[in-house]
Amino acid sequence: MTAKLETLQGDITKLDVDAIVNAANSSLLGGGGVDGAIHRAAGSDLLAECRMLNGCRTGEAKITQGYKLKARHIIHTVGPVWNGGRSGEPEKLRACYANSLRLAAEQGLQSIAFPCISTGVYRFPPDKAAEIAIETARTFLQTPTSLQHIIFCCFGPDDLRRYQALLANHGVA
């Protein structure tokens, strides 16, 4: 695995990468949390392009331009709402990461940054979500890909420590 896995604390809308991932709602028309922050930072042209995408189902991913962001692209994915884990939520979250990575690689992108998908108002347990994120990225990188840098961008210090510990346990940090 030659790609670099990294975690950092910060504002995902400020990152200079090929793509940032938006933890979107199914309409793709903006919302709260990271979704709202990305839409505000990217500007109204993002909303216009998202209107043409006809939404997105849970676990799927769609790509747009980055507009006013430093990131050249935004990959929108819809995470699952946590309902106790008995409704396929782990598999759906894994699909969010896998489909976002696949889409980035299909576009020949080299760097991508993920927020903590589904751990806010969708209530996915943060420890389990972080494990899924890192496991899915490591699995994806076992096959040849254009991706050289995967960032897990954490908004708060608790998530940062969680990701740092998991990456250290995998011998990455």
C-alpha atoms as a PDB file:
ATOM      1  CA  MET A   1       0.000   0.000   0.000  1.00  0.00           C
ATOM      2  CA  THR A   2       1.770   3.167  -1.167  1.00  0.00           C
ATOM      3  CA  ALA A   3      -1.057   5.589  -0.498  1.00  0.00           C
ATOM      4  CA  LYS A   4      -0.933   7.686   2.651  1.00  0.00           C
ATOM      5  CA  LEU A   5      -3.733   7.500   5.224  1.00  0.00           C
ATOM      6  CA  GLU A   6      -3.899  10.550   7.463  1.00  0.00           C
ATOM      7  CA  THR A   7      -6.171  12.106  10.023  1.00  0.00           C
ATOM      8  CA  LEU A   8      -6.381  15.749  10.949  1.00  0.00           C
ATOM      9  CA  GLN A   9      -8.666  18.103  12.817  1.00  0.00           C
ATOM     10  CA  GLY A  10     -10.072  21.001  10.860  1.00  0.00           C
ATOM     11  CA  ASP A  11     -12.609  22.399   8.464  1.00  0.00           C
ATOM     12  CA  ILE A  12     -12.987  20.084   5.472  1.00  0.00           C
ATOM     13  CA  THR A  13     -14.108  23.025   3.302  1.00  0.00           C
ATOM     14  CA  LYS A  14     -10.602  24.542   3.596  1.00  0.00           C
ATOM     15  CA  LEU A  15      -8.643  21.533   2.339  1.00  0.00           C
ATOM     16  CA  ASP A  16      -6.694  21.696  -0.922  1.00  0.00           C
ATOM     17  CA  VAL A  17      -7.345  18.190  -2.260  1.00  0.00           C
ATOM     18  CA  ASP A  18      -8.746  16.719  -5.445  1.00  0.00           C
ATOM     19  CA  ALA A  19     -12.044  15.888  -3.701  1.00  0.00           C
ATOM     20  CA  ILE A  20     -13.775  16.326  -0.402  1.00  0.00           C
ATOM     21  CA  VAL A  21     -16.633  14.047   0.545  1.00  0.00           C
ATOM     22  CA  ASN A  22     -19.941  15.549   1.547  1.00  0.00           C
ATOM     23  CA  ALA A  23     -22.019  13.676   4.112  1.00  0.00           C
ATOM     24  CA  ALA A  24     -25.169  14.682   2.253  1.00  0.00           C
ATOM     25  CA  ASN A  25     -28.857  14.044   2.644  1.00  0.00           C
ATOM     26  CA  SER A  26     -30.688  12.170  -0.106  1.00  0.00           C
ATOM     27  CA  SER A  27     -31.880  15.349  -1.870  1.00  0.00           C
ATOM     28  CA  LEU A  28     -28.275  16.610  -2.294  1.00  0.00           C
ATOM     29  CA  LEU A  29     -29.735  20.114  -1.925  1.00  0.00           C
ATOM     30  CA  GLY A  30     -27.927  21.080   1.279  1.00  0.00           C
ATOM     31  CA  GLY A  31     -28.758  20.661   4.915  1.00  0.00           C
ATOM     32  CA  GLY A  32     -27.102  20.981   8.276  1.00  0.00           C
ATOM     33  CA  GLY A  33     -23.689  19.971   9.582  1.00  0.00           C
ATOM     34  CA  VAL A  34     -20.936  19.316   7.066  1.00  0.00           C
ATOM     35  CA  ASP A  35     -23.479  19.278   4.220  1.00  0.00           C
ATOM     36  CA  GLY A  36     -24.581  22.839   4.940  1.00  0.00           C
ATOM     37  CA  ALA A  37     -20.997  24.018   5.468  1.00  0.00           C
ATOM     38  CA  ILE A  38     -19.916  22.595   2.102  1.00  0.00           C
ATOM     39  CA  HIS A  39     -22.867  24.134   0.267  1.00  0.00           C
ATOM     40  CA  ARG A  40     -22.232  27.548   1.874  1.00  0.00           C
ATOM     41  CA  ALA A  41     -18.509  27.479   1.108  1.00  0.00           C
ATOM     42  CA  ALA A  42     -18.908  26.202  -2.472  1.00  0.00           C
ATOM     43  CA  GLY A  43     -21.559  28.754  -3.399  1.00  0.00           C
ATOM     44  CA  SER A  44     -24.858  28.673  -5.259  1.00  0.00           C
ATOM     45  CA  ASP A  45     -23.452  26.983  -8.382  1.00  0.00           C
ATOM     46  CA  LEU A  46     -23.125  23.783  -6.349  1.00  0.00           C
ATOM     47  CA  LEU A  47     -26.838  23.789  -5.587  1.00  0.00           C
ATOM     48  CA  ALA A  48     -27.625  24.283  -9.271  1.00  0.00           C
ATOM     49  CA  GLU A  49     -25.486  21.275 -10.257  1.00  0.00           C
ATOM     50  CA  CYS A  50     -26.900  19.140  -7.432  1.00  0.00           C
ATOM     51  CA  ARG A  51     -30.447  19.833  -8.651  1.00  0.00           C
ATOM     52  CA  MET A  52     -29.513  18.074 -11.900  1.00  0.00           C
ATOM     53  CA  LEU A  53     -28.348  14.889 -10.101  1.00  0.00           C
ATOM     54  CA  ASN A  54     -31.836  13.753  -9.004  1.00  0.00           C
ATOM     55  CA  GLY A  55     -30.758  12.980  -5.459  1.00  0.00           C
ATOM     56  CA  CYS A  56     -28.757  10.066  -4.130  1.00  0.00           C
ATOM     57  CA  ARG A  57     -29.644   6.878  -2.266  1.00  0.00           C
ATOM     58  CA  THR A  58     -28.022   5.762   0.972  1.00  0.00           C
ATOM     59  CA  GLY A  59     -24.587   4.291   0.309  1.00  0.00           C
ATOM     60  CA  GLU A  60     -24.300   5.688  -3.213  1.00  0.00           C
ATOM     61  CA  ALA A  61     -21.942   8.478  -4.305  1.00  0.00           C
ATOM     62  CA  LYS A  62     -22.157  11.233  -6.916  1.00  0.00           C
ATOM     63  CA  ILE A  63     -19.564  13.811  -7.958  1.00  0.00           C
ATOM     64  CA  THR A  64     -19.766  17.545  -8.686  1.00  0.00           C
ATOM     65  CA  GLN A  65     -17.337  20.365  -9.231  1.00  0.00           C
ATOM     66  CA  GLY A  66     -15.865  22.089  -6.169  1.00  0.00           C
ATOM     67  CA  TYR A  67     -16.765  25.624  -7.290  1.00  0.00           C
ATOM     68  CA  LYS A  68     -15.483  28.138  -4.688  1.00  0.00           C
ATOM     69  CA  LEU A  69     -13.709  25.466  -2.630  1.00  0.00           C
ATOM     70  CA  LYS A  70      -9.991  24.714  -2.852  1.00  0.00           C
ATOM     71  CA  ALA A  71     -11.048  21.129  -3.522  1.00  0.00           C
ATOM     72  CA  ARG A  72     -11.616  20.575  -7.217  1.00  0.00           C
ATOM     73  CA  HIS A  73     -14.491  18.141  -6.699  1.00  0.00           C
ATOM     74  CA  ILE A  74     -17.115  17.204  -4.152  1.00  0.00           C
ATOM     75  CA  ILE A  75     -18.193  13.598  -3.811  1.00  0.00           C
ATOM     76  CA  HIS A  76     -21.639  13.454  -2.228  1.00  0.00           C
ATOM     77  CA  THR A  77     -22.649  10.343  -0.312  1.00  0.00           C
ATOM     78  CA  VAL A  78     -25.655   9.627   1.870  1.00  0.00           C
ATOM     79  CA  GLY A  79     -24.878   7.850   5.106  1.00  0.00           C
ATOM     80  CA  PRO A  80     -27.305   5.619   6.972  1.00  0.00           C
ATOM     81  CA  VAL A  81     -29.388   6.699   9.939  1.00  0.00           C
ATOM     82  CA  TRP A  82     -28.494   4.499  12.918  1.00  0.00           C
ATOM     83  CA  ASN A  83     -31.374   2.273  14.027  1.00  0.00           C
ATOM     84  CA  GLY A  84     -29.485  -0.036  16.347  1.00  0.00           C
ATOM     85  CA  GLY A  85     -27.441  -1.732  13.628  1.00  0.00           C
ATOM     86  CA  ARG A  86     -30.064  -4.278  12.651  1.00  0.00           C
ATOM     87  CA  SER A  87     -31.096  -2.590   9.405  1.00  0.00           C
ATOM     88  CA  GLY A  88     -27.840  -2.975   7.496  1.00  0.00           C
ATOM     89  CA  GLU A  89     -26.370   0.304   8.728  1.00  0.00           C
ATOM     90  CA  PRO A  90     -22.736  -0.935   8.872  1.00  0.00           C
ATOM     91  CA  GLU A  91     -22.920  -2.256   5.310  1.00  0.00           C
ATOM     92  CA  LYS A  92     -24.522   0.968   4.093  1.00  0.00           C
ATOM     93  CA  LEU A  93     -21.816   3.080   5.740  1.00  0.00           C
ATOM     94  CA  ARG A  94     -19.130   0.834   4.249  1.00  0.00           C
ATOM     95  CA  ALA A  95     -20.765   1.415   0.846  1.00  0.00           C
ATOM     96  CA  CYS A  96     -20.521   5.200   1.357  1.00  0.00           C
ATOM     97  CA  TYR A  97     -16.751   4.978   1.736  1.00  0.00           C
ATOM     98  CA  ALA A  98     -16.216   2.309  -0.922  1.00  0.00           C
ATOM     99  CA  ASN A  99     -18.357   4.058  -3.545  1.00  0.00           C
ATOM    100  CA  SER A 100     -16.739   7.435  -2.831  1.00  0.00           C
ATOM    101  CA  LEU A 101     -13.260   5.926  -3.195  1.00  0.00           C
ATOM    102  CA  ARG A 102     -14.270   4.058  -6.360  1.00  0.00           C
ATOM    103  CA  LEU A 103     -15.716   7.222  -7.919  1.00  0.00           C
ATOM    104  CA  ALA A 104     -12.576   9.211  -7.059  1.00  0.00           C
ATOM    105  CA  ALA A 105     -10.374   6.530  -8.604  1.00  0.00           C
ATOM    106  CA  GLU A 106     -12.550   6.344 -11.733  1.00  0.00           C
ATOM    107  CA  GLN A 107     -11.951  10.080 -12.145  1.00  0.00           C
ATOM    108  CA  GLY A 108      -8.184   9.580 -11.723  1.00  0.00           C
ATOM    109  CA  LEU A 109      -8.079  11.650  -8.543  1.00  0.00           C
ATOM    110  CA  GLN A 110      -5.064  11.409  -6.249  1.00  0.00           C
ATOM    111  CA  SER A 111      -6.307  12.929  -2.970  1.00  0.00           C
ATOM    112  CA  ILE A 112      -9.590  12.734  -1.087  1.00  0.00           C
ATOM    113  CA  ALA A 113     -10.790  13.900   2.322  1.00  0.00           C
ATOM    114  CA  PHE A 114     -13.648  12.364   4.288  1.00  0.00           C
ATOM    115  CA  PRO A 115     -15.656  13.812   7.162  1.00  0.00           C
ATOM    116  CA  CYS A 116     -17.056  11.518   9.860  1.00  0.00           C
ATOM    117  CA  ILE A 117     -20.061  10.225   7.909  1.00  0.00           C
ATOM    118  CA  SER A 118     -23.353   9.569   9.762  1.00  0.00           C
ATOM    119  CA  THR A 119     -21.999  10.263  13.275  1.00  0.00           C
ATOM    120  CA  GLY A 120     -23.863  13.541  13.798  1.00  0.00           C
ATOM    121  CA  VAL A 121     -27.635  13.781  13.553  1.00  0.00           C
ATOM    122  CA  TYR A 122     -27.736  10.295  11.966  1.00  0.00           C
ATOM    123  CA  ARG A 123     -26.427   8.919  15.324  1.00  0.00           C
ATOM    124  CA  PHE A 124     -24.075   6.223  13.976  1.00  0.00           C
ATOM    125  CA  PRO A 125     -21.771   5.199  16.887  1.00  0.00           C
ATOM    126  CA  PRO A 126     -18.504   7.103  16.309  1.00  0.00           C
ATOM    127  CA  ASP A 127     -16.173   4.231  17.267  1.00  0.00           C
ATOM    128  CA  LYS A 128     -17.873   1.803  14.900  1.00  0.00           C
ATOM    129  CA  ALA A 129     -18.029   4.443  12.118  1.00  0.00           C
ATOM    130  CA  ALA A 130     -14.301   5.178  12.403  1.00  0.00           C
ATOM    131  CA  GLU A 131     -13.451   1.467  12.260  1.00  0.00           C
ATOM    132  CA  ILE A 132     -15.562   1.066   9.120  1.00  0.00           C
ATOM    133  CA  ALA A 133     -13.980   4.134   7.489  1.00  0.00           C
ATOM    134  CA  ILE A 134     -10.401   3.007   8.055  1.00  0.00           C
ATOM    135  CA  GLU A 135     -11.070  -0.657   7.247  1.00  0.00           C
ATOM    136  CA  THR A 136     -12.806   0.281   3.987  1.00  0.00           C
ATOM    137  CA  ALA A 137      -9.970   2.622   2.933  1.00  0.00           C
ATOM    138  CA  ARG A 138      -7.303   0.021   3.732  1.00  0.00           C
ATOM    139  CA  THR A 139      -9.205  -2.651   1.795  1.00  0.00           C
ATOM    140  CA  PHE A 140      -9.673  -0.324  -1.181  1.00  0.00           C
ATOM    141  CA  LEU A 141      -5.957   0.451  -1.296  1.00  0.00           C
ATOM    142  CA  GLN A 142      -5.062  -3.221  -1.667  1.00  0.00           C
ATOM    143  CA  THR A 143      -5.736  -2.925  -5.395  1.00  0.00           C
ATOM    144  CA  PRO A 144      -4.022  -0.487  -7.776  1.00  0.00           C
ATOM    145  CA  THR A 145      -5.580   2.991  -7.724  1.00  0.00           C
ATOM    146  CA  SER A 146      -4.813   6.574  -8.644  1.00  0.00           C
ATOM    147  CA  LEU A 147      -5.487   7.606  -5.032  1.00  0.00           C
ATOM    148  CA  GLN A 148      -2.301   8.489  -3.169  1.00  0.00           C
ATOM    149  CA  HIS A 149      -3.636  10.394  -0.150  1.00  0.00           C
ATOM    150  CA  ILE A 150      -6.739   9.673   1.936  1.00  0.00           C
ATOM    151  CA  ILE A 151      -7.525  12.101   4.744  1.00  0.00           C
ATOM    152  CA  PHE A 152     -10.018  11.590   7.550  1.00  0.00           C
ATOM    153  CA  CYS A 153     -10.885  15.177   8.469  1.00  0.00           C
ATOM    154  CA  CYS A 154     -12.276  15.343  11.995  1.00  0.00           C
ATOM    155  CA  PHE A 155     -14.167  18.379  13.203  1.00  0.00           C
ATOM    156  CA  GLY A 156     -13.630  17.767  16.923  1.00  0.00           C
ATOM    157  CA  PRO A 157     -10.796  16.512  19.136  1.00  0.00           C
ATOM    158  CA  ASP A 158     -12.629  13.352  20.244  1.00  0.00           C
ATOM    159  CA  ASP A 159     -12.964  12.136  16.654  1.00  0.00           C
ATOM    160  CA  LEU A 160      -9.348  13.078  15.950  1.00  0.00           C
ATOM    161  CA  ARG A 161      -8.099  10.968  18.883  1.00  0.00           C
ATOM    162  CA  ARG A 162     -10.347   8.084  17.793  1.00  0.00           C
ATOM    163  CA  TYR A 163      -8.946   8.057  14.239  1.00  0.00           C
ATOM    164  CA  GLN A 164      -5.348   8.563  15.395  1.00  0.00           C
ATOM    165  CA  ALA A 165      -5.631   5.575  17.739  1.00  0.00           C
ATOM    166  CA  LEU A 166      -7.131   3.361  15.041  1.00  0.00           C
ATOM    167  CA  LEU A 167      -4.487   4.339  12.490  1.00  0.00           C
ATOM    168  CA  ALA A 168      -1.737   3.733  15.071  1.00  0.00           C
ATOM    169  CA  ASN A 169      -3.201   0.270  15.781  1.00  0.00           C
ATOM    170  CA  HIS A 170      -2.942  -0.456  12.057  1.00  0.00           C
ATOM    171  CA  GLY A 171       0.684   0.714  11.996  1.00  0.00           C
ATOM    172  CA  VAL A 172      -0.140   3.773   9.900  1.00  0.00           C
ATOM    173  CA  ALA A 173       0.336   6.715  12.265  1.00  0.00           C
END
